[in-house]
Every structure is written in C-alpha cells, then in structure tokens.
Amino acid sequence: MADFKQRWHQLEQKAKDIGYRTTDRHLRLAVTGLSGAGKTAFITSLVEKLLTAATQPPYGGLPLFSVCMEQRFYGAQRARQPDLNIASFGYDAAMQALRAELPTWPKSTTNISELRLAIEYQPKAGLLATLTDKATLHLDIVDYPGEWLLDLPMLRQSFYEWSEQLLAPDSPLSHTSAYASFIANLKTLDAKVEPADETLAAVADSYRLVLEELVHQQGFYLAQPGRMLLPGDLQGTPLLAFFPLPRGFWLDHQGQTVASPLVSSLEKRYRAYVKQVVKPFYQRYFEDFDRQLVLVDVLGALNRGRAQFEDMANALNALNQSFRFGKGGFWQRLFSPKIDRLVFAVSKVDQITREQQGNALSLLKHLLQPGWQHADESGCQVEAMAVSAIKTTRYGVVKDRVLGEVSVVSGTELSDDRPTLTLFPGEVPTQLPDDQFWQQQGFQFVNFAPPLMPVDQPFDHIRLDHLLEFLLGDKLS
C-alpha cells in the first residue's frame, strides 16, 4: 500500500511539473563545480536571500535583481521537493553552522540533494500579466558532489582511452607518493591469468589511495572514478574494483592488440560502471536542467600551483563537453529540456581586493574558453561573473613606505584562535599564466571564517543579485 501511495504521489508530482512547464512556471537550476568551490555555502546564501528579500526594504538587498528593484517580488517559500527519493538539501543545518556563536562553513556535499522554492511575484508582461496580479515560479535547485561530476567525461571514453589519459607520463597521478606503490602492484599482475576478485580489490584499493592523496593532499581535481572518493552505497562492491592499466598489458611490441583475461575483466567493470553509475546519473539529472551555474575556485587553484591550476582547467573543459546546451522552445522545454543559460562564476572573490576582481573575471574567461565556445555554438547564452555568496572581508587601504597606498582586505582567519588578518593577498593575472609568472608568483589567498552577523540580517554578498537576474530574471518578468 505504501509503495502504491509513493508511486501515486510521484505521478501526481510529475503531472504538476508538466503543467508548470507548459506555462513556463518551473525552472531547474543545477549548481555545479569542483570540490571546494563553495557550492553548499553558495546555495544556502542564495536561498536565504530569496526567503528574506520581501522583508528587506527597499530592494531586498538585491538591487540588480529586476523583480526586486521594480518591487514586484512578493516573497518566496520553501515547497515540497518533487523527488521524494532524493535527499533534501541541508539548508537548516547549513544555516545553523553559519549562524552559530562561532560561525563555521557548512559541510561539503557528499550526496545529491535538492530544494524547491515557490517564488511569488507580480508579472509585468505576457499573458500572465493580463490574467493575474500574482504568479508563482517553482525553482528547483539541485546540488551534487564535485567528485561525481568528474565522471561525466568517461561517457565518451573507452577503457583504453581512459587508461592512457590517466597514466600518461605527465599525469597528475604521478605527483603523489602513493603512485609508486600502485605501479608496483600493477607489476605483480599477470595479463594472461584471470584475476581473482580479491586481487582486483587490493590493487583498486592502492589506486584509491592515489586518488585520495591527489585530491585531499596535493590539491588536484580530475580524479576518476569519482565514486572511489565518495562511494555511497557502492562501498566495497566489485563495481568500484577497477583501475587504469598501462598499454603494455594489451599491446604487444608491434603495437597489436593481444587477448588478456586481466584486461577483459577490467574493461568489463569499467563499462559496467559507466553504464550503471555514470550514465543513469547523467540521464536522470543533467538532461533535464534548464539553467546551469558552474562555480570555479580560481583563487584556490592559483594558491596550489601551476600543475593544479592546469588540471582544474582540463577538468572543467572536459565537463562542459558533457552538458546539454541549446535554446529551449515550448515542445523541447516540455519533453527534452536543454540548458539555455550558463554562468561561469569565480567564487570567493571577497578574498581579493576590489581592483583584483576584474582580473579574476578576465582570467576565468581565458581559462574556460573551450567550454564557453561549445555552449555558445549550441545557442546557449553564456555569462561570466565574479561573485561571493557570503562576504567575509572588509576592504581598506594601508600605507607602505615603498609602495605608498596599498589596497587590502581584512577578515577573521578560519583557525582555532581566529585572529583578524589584514593583507594584500596578491595580484591575480588577467590571462593564462606563462612560465615566468609561475616562477615569480606569490599568493596569500586566505580561507576566512564566516562573518558573525545578527540573526535577522542576511549575509552580505558580492554580485549575487546580478547572477540571479541572469539566471531567473526572464522568468519573473
């Protein structure tokens, strides 16, 4: 009986969603980005701004958001999410962390989650404006782990292509201390013998240690398969017991392919992973997004160094080839939605001075040019922005004996004793850095703590209203 009720609710909700789409009253926004880009804090702040905008005169703290600027915004409420089998976005827990006596950043995303807002507004154009003074836009915000996001390029790769890419001589994997142990384990394998499950699991575990060090200690991004880092319900399953192999396992000295039980076993598991994990994830979520926001922690990548910065660029441009872009007409919007607006956003720009924010934006455009072109050629409107969902710093000027007046930022460092820091974090390059830049570069981009704010006062932000206008403004006109 319970199963019948759940299926009935799902059918009922699906019918409502189709109705919303036919009247353009429904929008699915995907918030994506690599690990550490600040997705959870961003979504929390965005939701808070919409929930409180109607009570913050005169423009709800969002003067560049036209529906607020024109005072047509009646309010927003959290509504029942459409998918009961997806975890709810942890908004309350995130707000509790941010509003604590000693504020902390909310925990990073470990699973896919969703939140729906019902935004009430006064329409000013079209059929709705002639029929009613109040309309509702249902906004679904979807968040998911960056680690899972990185698997999407595997949809276009064979096991052999994937292996060659990861084990190339200049691969970031070789930067880790665990890499030598993984290679040593590979050398113990006999390509002519059918491997035992335990053998594959042991080597896969040594490969997992490489990925963990690569991401969590070395600061790289492109770690595949992503579920090895966040396995969820796949923990301990044979589906995750695979790893890349060097060419010598499947090619002879003449470059001819040779039969190998070992290669066949790993190729089978790779294809099963793509078919049973990556492809359903893509089909279920990515294919029905309307708008896409890609958060990019450019500053963090610059802090880590050249190899990590270039790895981030490669990862993001590979991802953008996996998204569906295009203008969504009525029938296409109803049955096969595509992303028609895309925002690349440099996150955490409160870490740098006002003068450097334009540099960060210029660098982002150069960094993502391949993905930008792919989206633009598909008829998708593309925009780049420099934003901060929660502003943690104050701007100021100090006098230096040599340099004269220097712009600085001040904030509370995220540490046990939480000292107040005032610093010039460094000059952000306006385009992709060259060899000379990396030899001379020096940054001090600090992870500041969330600000201590009155409970009834929303967090300060940088250009969040500009971003909302691009993503939602046309649907609230």
Protein backbone atom coordinates (compact mmCIF):
# COMPACT_ATOMS: atom_id res chain seq x y z
CA MET A 1 0.00 0.00 0.00
CA ALA A 2 2.88 2.34 0.89
CA ASP A 3 4.55 1.63 -2.47
CA PHE A 4 1.29 2.42 -4.28
CA LYS A 5 0.95 5.75 -2.43
CA GLN A 6 4.52 6.69 -3.23
CA ARG A 7 4.08 5.86 -6.95
CA TRP A 8 0.80 7.80 -6.99
CA HIS A 9 2.49 10.82 -5.43
CA GLN A 10 5.30 10.63 -7.98
CA LEU A 11 2.80 10.51 -10.86
CA GLU A 12 0.84 13.39 -9.34
CA GLN A 13 4.00 15.44 -8.90
CA LYS A 14 5.10 14.65 -12.45
CA ALA A 15 1.77 15.89 -13.78
CA LYS A 16 2.14 19.11 -11.80
CA ASP A 17 5.67 19.63 -13.11
CA ILE A 18 4.48 19.18 -16.70
CA GLY A 19 1.77 21.74 -16.01
CA TYR A 20 4.32 24.17 -14.64
CA ARG A 21 6.49 23.69 -17.72
CA THR A 22 3.64 24.31 -20.13
CA THR A 23 3.06 27.71 -18.53
CA ASP A 24 6.80 28.37 -18.05
CA ARG A 25 6.35 28.36 -14.26
CA HIS A 26 9.06 25.82 -13.49
CA LEU A 27 12.85 26.05 -13.66
CA ARG A 28 15.54 23.53 -12.73
CA LEU A 29 18.84 25.11 -11.76
CA ALA A 30 21.96 22.99 -11.43
CA VAL A 31 24.71 24.31 -9.20
CA THR A 32 27.92 22.58 -10.17
CA GLY A 33 31.64 22.96 -9.68
CA LEU A 34 34.64 21.09 -8.48
CA SER A 35 35.23 20.14 -4.86
CA GLY A 36 35.98 23.17 -2.70
CA ALA A 37 34.27 25.72 -4.96
CA GLY A 38 31.80 26.61 -2.20
CA LYS A 39 28.59 25.11 -3.61
CA THR A 40 26.92 24.40 -0.26
CA ALA A 41 27.56 27.87 1.15
CA PHE A 42 26.52 29.43 -2.14
CA ILE A 43 23.16 27.62 -2.30
CA THR A 44 22.49 28.37 1.37
CA SER A 45 23.08 32.09 0.86
CA LEU A 46 21.06 32.18 -2.36
CA VAL A 47 18.09 30.51 -0.66
CA GLU A 48 18.35 32.84 2.34
CA LYS A 49 18.36 35.89 0.06
CA LEU A 50 15.18 34.77 -1.72
CA LEU A 51 13.41 33.79 1.50
CA THR A 52 14.12 37.14 3.17
CA ALA A 53 14.11 39.59 0.23
CA ALA A 54 10.48 40.62 0.76
CA THR A 55 11.27 41.76 4.32
CA GLN A 56 14.40 43.75 3.47
CA PRO A 57 13.30 47.12 2.02
CA PRO A 58 13.65 48.75 -0.35
CA TYR A 59 15.13 46.16 -2.77
CA GLY A 60 15.58 43.09 -0.58
CA GLY A 61 19.34 43.55 -0.60
CA LEU A 62 19.24 42.64 -4.31
CA PRO A 63 19.05 45.95 -6.21
CA LEU A 64 20.23 44.48 -9.53
CA PHE A 65 17.55 41.76 -9.45
CA SER A 66 14.85 43.46 -11.55
CA VAL A 67 11.87 41.82 -9.83
CA CYS A 68 13.11 43.30 -6.53
CA MET A 69 14.22 46.61 -8.00
CA GLU A 70 10.77 47.10 -9.57
CA GLN A 71 9.15 46.00 -6.29
CA ARG A 72 7.27 43.12 -7.92
CA PHE A 73 8.70 40.49 -5.58
CA TYR A 74 6.06 39.23 -3.11
CA GLY A 75 8.17 36.57 -1.42
CA ALA A 76 9.49 33.02 -1.59
CA GLN A 77 8.71 29.93 0.45
CA ARG A 78 10.24 26.51 0.64
CA ALA A 79 7.98 23.97 -1.05
CA ARG A 80 7.82 20.18 -1.12
CA GLN A 81 10.57 18.90 -3.39
CA PRO A 82 9.46 16.97 -6.48
CA ASP A 83 11.68 13.88 -5.97
CA LEU A 84 11.00 12.01 -2.73
CA ASN A 85 13.86 9.57 -3.38
CA ILE A 86 16.48 12.35 -3.39
CA ALA A 87 17.88 13.79 -0.19
CA SER A 88 16.71 17.27 0.74
CA PHE A 89 19.35 19.98 0.63
CA GLY A 90 20.51 20.57 4.21
CA TYR A 91 19.56 24.24 4.39
CA ASP A 92 18.67 24.28 8.09
CA ALA A 93 21.89 22.54 9.14
CA ALA A 94 23.95 24.86 6.94
CA MET A 95 22.28 27.94 8.42
CA GLN A 96 22.83 26.60 11.92
CA ALA A 97 26.58 26.32 11.23
CA LEU A 98 26.74 29.80 9.68
CA ARG A 99 24.70 31.41 12.48
CA ALA A 100 26.47 29.73 15.41
CA GLU A 101 28.19 31.77 18.11
CA LEU A 102 31.44 30.72 16.46
CA PRO A 103 30.35 30.52 12.79
CA THR A 104 31.71 27.72 10.62
CA TRP A 105 31.29 26.80 6.99
CA PRO A 106 28.68 24.09 6.28
CA LYS A 107 29.83 20.59 5.43
CA SER A 108 30.66 19.84 1.82
CA THR A 109 28.27 17.95 -0.44
CA THR A 110 28.52 14.16 -0.11
CA ASN A 111 25.39 13.16 -2.00
CA ILE A 112 22.93 14.59 -4.49
CA SER A 113 20.33 16.85 -2.93
CA GLU A 114 17.51 19.12 -3.97
CA LEU A 115 15.45 22.02 -2.72
CA ARG A 116 12.34 23.68 -4.20
CA LEU A 117 11.31 27.29 -3.75
CA ALA A 118 7.96 28.79 -4.70
CA ILE A 119 8.67 32.37 -5.76
CA GLU A 120 5.64 34.69 -5.85
CA TYR A 121 5.83 37.80 -7.97
CA GLN A 122 3.79 40.28 -9.98
CA PRO A 123 4.13 39.58 -13.71
CA LYS A 124 4.59 42.64 -15.91
CA ALA A 125 4.49 41.17 -19.42
CA GLY A 126 2.82 38.44 -21.44
CA LEU A 127 -0.40 36.51 -20.87
CA LEU A 128 0.14 36.14 -17.12
CA ALA A 129 0.21 39.91 -16.64
CA THR A 130 -3.24 40.23 -18.20
CA LEU A 131 -4.74 37.37 -16.19
CA THR A 132 -3.36 37.82 -12.68
CA ASP A 133 -1.56 40.16 -10.31
CA LYS A 134 0.34 37.29 -8.67
CA ALA A 135 2.16 34.38 -10.28
CA THR A 136 4.41 31.64 -8.93
CA LEU A 137 7.68 30.31 -10.31
CA HIS A 138 8.75 26.94 -8.93
CA LEU A 139 12.54 26.86 -8.71
CA ASP A 140 14.30 23.53 -8.17
CA ILE A 141 17.92 23.87 -7.02
CA VAL A 142 20.00 20.72 -7.42
CA ASP A 143 23.36 20.17 -5.77
CA TYR A 144 25.66 17.17 -6.16
CA PRO A 145 29.26 16.19 -5.29
CA GLY A 146 32.01 17.52 -7.50
CA GLU A 147 33.63 14.08 -7.32
CA TRP A 148 30.65 12.53 -9.12
CA LEU A 149 30.58 15.34 -11.62
CA LEU A 150 34.09 14.45 -12.77
CA ASP A 151 32.97 11.05 -14.08
CA LEU A 152 30.92 12.54 -16.94
CA PRO A 153 33.81 12.56 -19.48
CA MET A 154 34.01 8.76 -19.06
CA LEU A 155 30.78 8.54 -21.09
CA ARG A 156 32.83 9.33 -24.21
CA GLN A 157 35.89 7.23 -23.42
CA SER A 158 36.74 3.57 -23.80
CA PHE A 159 38.65 1.79 -21.06
CA TYR A 160 41.80 2.03 -23.17
CA GLU A 161 41.45 5.77 -23.80
CA TRP A 162 40.73 6.34 -20.13
CA SER A 163 43.78 4.34 -19.05
CA GLU A 164 46.12 6.13 -21.45
CA GLN A 165 44.91 9.53 -20.27
CA LEU A 166 45.35 8.77 -16.57
CA LEU A 167 48.71 7.02 -16.91
CA ALA A 168 50.28 9.44 -19.38
CA PRO A 169 53.85 10.49 -18.45
CA ASP A 170 52.70 13.97 -17.36
CA SER A 171 49.62 12.71 -15.49
CA PRO A 172 48.89 14.39 -12.13
CA LEU A 173 48.70 10.89 -10.60
CA SER A 174 52.48 10.70 -10.73
CA HIS A 175 52.69 13.69 -8.34
CA THR A 176 51.58 11.51 -5.42
CA SER A 177 53.77 9.42 -3.12
CA ALA A 178 51.22 6.57 -3.33
CA TYR A 179 51.71 6.29 -7.11
CA ALA A 180 54.87 4.16 -6.84
CA SER A 181 53.06 1.59 -4.69
CA PHE A 182 50.17 1.42 -7.16
CA ILE A 183 52.57 0.86 -10.09
CA ALA A 184 54.38 -1.83 -8.07
CA ASN A 185 51.05 -3.59 -7.52
CA LEU A 186 50.30 -3.42 -11.24
CA LYS A 187 53.59 -5.19 -11.99
CA THR A 188 52.51 -8.17 -9.89
CA LEU A 189 49.54 -8.81 -12.18
CA ASP A 190 49.69 -11.47 -14.91
CA ALA A 191 47.85 -10.31 -18.03
CA LYS A 192 47.38 -13.95 -19.14
CA VAL A 193 45.61 -15.08 -15.96
CA GLU A 194 42.02 -14.45 -14.92
CA PRO A 195 42.35 -12.30 -11.78
CA ALA A 196 40.61 -13.16 -8.53
CA ASP A 197 38.14 -10.63 -7.12
CA GLU A 198 40.36 -10.21 -4.08
CA THR A 199 43.35 -9.36 -6.29
CA LEU A 200 41.46 -6.69 -8.20
CA ALA A 201 40.08 -5.25 -4.96
CA ALA A 202 43.58 -4.98 -3.45
CA VAL A 203 45.05 -3.17 -6.46
CA ALA A 204 41.97 -0.94 -6.69
CA ASP A 205 42.48 -0.02 -3.04
CA SER A 206 46.06 1.09 -3.79
CA TYR A 207 44.69 3.16 -6.68
CA ARG A 208 42.11 4.72 -4.35
CA LEU A 209 44.94 5.86 -2.07
CA VAL A 210 46.49 7.62 -5.07
CA LEU A 211 43.23 9.46 -5.76
CA GLU A 212 42.76 10.44 -2.12
CA GLU A 213 46.25 11.91 -1.91
CA LEU A 214 45.84 13.56 -5.30
CA VAL A 215 42.72 15.46 -4.23
CA HIS A 216 42.90 15.87 -0.45
CA GLN A 217 46.65 16.47 -0.03
CA GLN A 218 48.00 17.62 -3.40
CA GLY A 219 45.01 19.78 -4.35
CA PHE A 220 44.31 18.28 -7.79
CA TYR A 221 40.83 17.83 -9.23
CA LEU A 222 40.47 15.26 -12.02
CA ALA A 223 40.13 12.02 -10.03
CA GLN A 224 38.28 9.13 -11.71
CA PRO A 225 36.24 7.19 -10.88
CA GLY A 226 34.79 9.82 -8.57
CA ARG A 227 32.82 7.27 -6.57
CA MET A 228 36.08 5.91 -5.18
CA LEU A 229 36.30 9.10 -3.13
CA LEU A 230 32.60 9.24 -2.26
CA PRO A 231 31.30 5.70 -2.84
CA GLY A 232 27.96 5.98 -1.07
CA ASP A 233 26.08 2.68 -1.34
CA LEU A 234 28.75 1.33 -3.74
CA GLN A 235 31.26 0.95 -0.90
CA GLY A 236 33.02 -2.43 -1.17
CA THR A 237 31.26 -3.53 -4.39
CA PRO A 238 33.12 -5.09 -7.35
CA LEU A 239 31.76 -2.20 -9.43
CA LEU A 240 34.44 0.02 -7.88
CA ALA A 241 37.22 -2.58 -8.05
CA PHE A 242 38.84 -1.40 -11.28
CA PHE A 243 41.76 0.83 -12.23
CA PRO A 244 43.69 2.02 -15.30
CA LEU A 245 46.27 -0.21 -16.98
CA PRO A 246 49.43 0.72 -18.93
CA ARG A 247 49.45 -0.04 -22.68
CA GLY A 248 51.86 -2.93 -22.19
CA PHE A 249 49.05 -5.05 -20.80
CA TRP A 250 47.04 -5.04 -24.04
CA LEU A 251 49.54 -4.21 -26.81
CA ASP A 252 52.50 -6.30 -28.00
CA HIS A 253 55.84 -4.92 -29.20
CA GLN A 254 54.40 -4.34 -32.69
CA GLY A 255 51.51 -2.34 -31.29
CA GLN A 256 48.96 -5.08 -31.98
CA THR A 257 46.14 -5.79 -29.54
CA VAL A 258 46.51 -9.03 -27.62
CA ALA A 259 43.88 -11.02 -25.76
CA SER A 260 44.14 -10.77 -21.99
CA PRO A 261 41.80 -12.13 -19.29
CA LEU A 262 43.01 -9.36 -16.96
CA VAL A 263 42.26 -6.58 -19.44
CA SER A 264 38.89 -8.13 -20.29
CA SER A 265 37.90 -8.23 -16.62
CA LEU A 266 38.85 -4.60 -16.02
CA GLU A 267 37.25 -3.42 -19.26
CA LYS A 268 34.03 -5.21 -18.28
CA ARG A 269 33.98 -3.48 -14.89
CA TYR A 270 34.76 -0.11 -16.45
CA ARG A 271 31.87 -0.46 -18.90
CA ALA A 272 29.57 -1.64 -16.10
CA TYR A 273 30.50 1.41 -14.01
CA VAL A 274 29.80 3.77 -16.89
CA LYS A 275 26.52 2.02 -17.74
CA GLN A 276 25.17 1.51 -14.23
CA VAL A 277 26.51 4.60 -12.42
CA VAL A 278 27.64 7.40 -14.72
CA LYS A 279 25.05 7.14 -17.49
CA PRO A 280 21.97 6.93 -15.21
CA PHE A 281 23.30 9.87 -13.19
CA TYR A 282 23.66 11.88 -16.39
CA GLN A 283 20.29 10.87 -17.83
CA ARG A 284 18.35 11.35 -14.62
CA TYR A 285 19.68 14.77 -13.68
CA PHE A 286 21.74 16.53 -16.32
CA GLU A 287 19.39 16.02 -19.23
CA ASP A 288 16.54 17.96 -17.64
CA PHE A 289 18.36 21.00 -16.28
CA ASP A 290 17.24 24.38 -17.66
CA ARG A 291 19.95 26.61 -16.24
CA GLN A 292 23.50 25.84 -15.21
CA LEU A 293 25.80 27.55 -12.73
CA VAL A 294 29.45 26.46 -12.64
CA LEU A 295 31.36 27.74 -9.61
CA VAL A 296 35.12 27.94 -10.10
CA ASP A 297 37.62 28.37 -7.26
CA VAL A 298 40.21 30.13 -9.40
CA LEU A 299 41.94 31.63 -6.38
CA GLY A 300 42.40 28.30 -4.64
CA ALA A 301 43.89 26.77 -7.78
CA LEU A 302 46.34 29.68 -8.12
CA ASN A 303 47.34 29.14 -4.50
CA ARG A 304 48.15 25.48 -5.11
CA GLY A 305 50.38 25.96 -8.14
CA ARG A 306 50.72 25.52 -11.87
CA ALA A 307 50.03 21.78 -12.12
CA GLN A 308 46.85 22.05 -10.06
CA PHE A 309 45.68 25.13 -11.94
CA GLU A 310 46.10 23.42 -15.33
CA ASP A 311 44.43 20.26 -14.00
CA MET A 312 41.41 22.33 -12.97
CA ALA A 313 41.22 23.90 -16.42
CA ASN A 314 41.35 20.49 -18.11
CA ALA A 315 38.70 19.07 -15.78
CA LEU A 316 36.24 21.93 -16.30
CA ASN A 317 36.56 21.99 -20.07
CA ALA A 318 36.09 18.22 -20.22
CA LEU A 319 32.93 18.55 -18.14
CA ASN A 320 31.40 21.20 -20.34
CA GLN A 321 31.50 18.80 -23.27
CA SER A 322 29.07 16.58 -21.33
CA PHE A 323 26.33 19.13 -20.71
CA ARG A 324 23.33 19.59 -22.99
CA PHE A 325 23.08 23.14 -24.27
CA GLY A 326 20.58 24.84 -26.56
CA LYS A 327 17.60 27.14 -26.76
CA GLY A 328 14.54 25.53 -25.23
CA GLY A 329 11.39 26.09 -27.26
CA PHE A 330 7.97 25.08 -25.95
CA TRP A 331 7.96 21.41 -27.00
CA GLN A 332 11.66 20.98 -26.36
CA ARG A 333 11.24 22.52 -22.91
CA LEU A 334 8.37 20.16 -22.13
CA PHE A 335 9.88 16.88 -23.32
CA SER A 336 13.63 17.40 -23.79
CA PRO A 337 14.86 20.43 -21.85
CA LYS A 338 18.29 21.82 -22.54
CA ILE A 339 20.43 24.34 -20.73
CA ASP A 340 19.70 27.71 -22.31
CA ARG A 341 21.64 29.89 -19.86
CA LEU A 342 25.01 29.15 -18.38
CA VAL A 343 27.02 31.10 -15.83
CA PHE A 344 30.68 30.57 -15.06
CA ALA A 345 31.35 32.27 -11.72
CA VAL A 346 34.62 32.91 -9.94
CA SER A 347 33.68 32.14 -6.35
CA LYS A 348 35.03 33.63 -3.11
CA VAL A 349 36.14 36.94 -4.66
CA ASP A 350 35.76 38.54 -1.24
CA GLN A 351 39.25 37.09 -0.64
CA ILE A 352 40.77 39.68 -3.01
CA THR A 353 40.62 43.46 -3.29
CA ARG A 354 38.09 45.23 -5.50
CA GLU A 355 40.78 46.09 -8.06
CA GLN A 356 41.70 42.40 -8.47
CA GLN A 357 38.15 41.13 -9.05
CA GLY A 358 38.20 42.29 -12.67
CA ASN A 359 41.47 40.41 -13.15
CA ALA A 360 39.92 37.24 -11.75
CA LEU A 361 36.99 37.57 -14.15
CA SER A 362 39.31 38.06 -17.13
CA LEU A 363 41.36 35.03 -16.10
CA LEU A 364 38.22 32.91 -15.83
CA LYS A 365 37.19 33.78 -19.38
CA HIS A 366 40.59 32.72 -20.72
CA LEU A 367 40.55 29.59 -18.57
CA LEU A 368 37.19 28.35 -19.86
CA GLN A 369 37.31 29.47 -23.46
CA PRO A 370 36.90 25.94 -24.95
CA GLY A 371 33.79 25.16 -22.84
CA TRP A 372 32.43 28.65 -23.42
CA GLN A 373 32.69 28.21 -27.18
CA HIS A 374 30.95 24.82 -27.01
CA ALA A 375 27.99 26.31 -25.15
CA ASP A 376 27.83 29.45 -27.29
CA GLU A 377 27.82 27.48 -30.54
CA SER A 378 24.85 25.46 -29.25
CA GLY A 379 22.71 28.58 -28.85
CA CYS A 380 23.14 28.88 -25.10
CA GLN A 381 23.51 32.34 -23.52
CA VAL A 382 26.78 32.37 -21.61
CA GLU A 383 27.90 34.81 -18.93
CA ALA A 384 30.93 35.06 -16.66
CA MET A 385 30.84 36.72 -13.25
CA ALA A 386 32.94 37.29 -10.16
CA VAL A 387 30.80 36.66 -7.07
CA SER A 388 30.81 35.91 -3.40
CA ALA A 389 27.68 34.45 -1.85
CA ILE A 390 28.79 35.30 1.68
CA LYS A 391 31.16 38.25 2.03
CA THR A 392 33.70 37.56 4.78
CA THR A 393 36.03 40.55 4.45
CA ARG A 394 36.20 44.34 4.59
CA TYR A 395 38.11 46.49 2.14
CA GLY A 396 40.69 49.03 3.22
CA VAL A 397 43.87 50.88 2.35
CA VAL A 398 47.21 50.88 4.20
CA LYS A 399 50.29 53.00 3.60
CA ASP A 400 53.57 51.31 2.72
CA ARG A 401 56.88 53.17 2.88
CA VAL A 402 57.92 51.88 -0.53
CA LEU A 403 54.68 51.23 -2.39
CA GLY A 404 52.59 54.04 -0.96
CA GLU A 405 48.89 53.30 -0.56
CA VAL A 406 48.04 49.61 -0.92
CA SER A 407 44.53 48.09 -1.10
CA VAL A 408 43.96 45.33 1.43
CA VAL A 409 41.28 43.02 2.77
CA SER A 410 40.58 42.32 6.44
CA GLY A 411 38.80 39.35 7.92
CA THR A 412 38.84 36.62 10.54
CA GLU A 413 41.08 33.68 9.73
CA LEU A 414 39.44 30.26 9.87
CA SER A 415 41.55 28.78 12.67
CA ASP A 416 41.23 27.80 16.33
CA ASP A 417 42.24 31.21 17.70
CA ARG A 418 40.62 33.15 14.82
CA PRO A 419 42.94 36.15 14.52
CA THR A 420 41.97 39.19 12.47
CA LEU A 421 44.11 39.48 9.35
CA THR A 422 44.75 42.50 7.16
CA LEU A 423 46.68 41.73 3.98
CA PHE A 424 47.19 42.25 0.28
CA PRO A 425 46.58 38.71 -0.98
CA GLY A 426 48.36 39.10 -4.33
CA GLU A 427 47.83 40.24 -7.88
CA VAL A 428 45.62 37.97 -9.98
CA PRO A 429 46.76 37.52 -13.61
CA THR A 430 44.35 38.69 -16.32
CA GLN A 431 45.10 35.75 -18.64
CA LEU A 432 46.53 32.25 -18.52
CA PRO A 433 49.85 32.48 -16.65
CA ASP A 434 53.12 31.87 -18.50
CA ASP A 435 56.31 30.22 -17.24
CA GLN A 436 57.72 33.46 -15.85
CA PHE A 437 54.56 34.09 -13.85
CA TRP A 438 54.71 30.71 -12.09
CA GLN A 439 58.38 31.27 -11.20
CA GLN A 440 57.61 34.60 -9.54
CA GLN A 441 54.07 34.16 -8.28
CA GLY A 442 53.20 34.50 -4.66
CA PHE A 443 49.67 34.46 -3.27
CA GLN A 444 48.15 34.62 0.15
CA PHE A 445 44.50 33.82 -0.51
CA VAL A 446 43.16 33.06 2.94
CA ASN A 447 40.17 30.93 3.91
CA PHE A 448 38.35 33.42 6.10
CA ALA A 449 35.72 32.39 8.64
CA PRO A 450 32.05 33.24 8.06
CA PRO A 451 31.14 36.65 9.50
CA LEU A 452 29.32 36.97 12.80
CA MET A 453 26.02 38.59 11.80
CA PRO A 454 22.78 39.47 13.63
CA VAL A 455 20.22 36.69 13.19
CA ASP A 456 17.75 38.96 11.40
CA GLN A 457 20.34 40.36 8.99
CA PRO A 458 21.10 38.44 5.76
CA PHE A 459 24.71 37.89 4.80
CA ASP A 460 26.42 40.49 2.68
CA HIS A 461 27.27 39.36 -0.84
CA ILE A 462 29.08 40.41 -3.99
CA ARG A 463 27.02 40.48 -7.22
CA LEU A 464 24.61 37.73 -6.20
CA ASP A 465 21.77 39.95 -7.44
CA HIS A 466 23.45 40.28 -10.85
CA LEU A 467 23.73 36.50 -11.04
CA LEU A 468 20.08 35.99 -10.04
CA GLU A 469 18.98 38.46 -12.70
CA PHE A 470 20.73 36.48 -15.42
CA LEU A 471 19.51 33.09 -14.19
CA LEU A 472 15.92 33.95 -13.22
CA GLY A 473 15.09 37.48 -14.40
CA ASP A 474 13.46 36.50 -17.68
CA LYS A 475 11.16 34.01 -15.90
CA LEU A 476 9.98 36.66 -13.44
CA SER A 477 9.15 39.37 -15.97
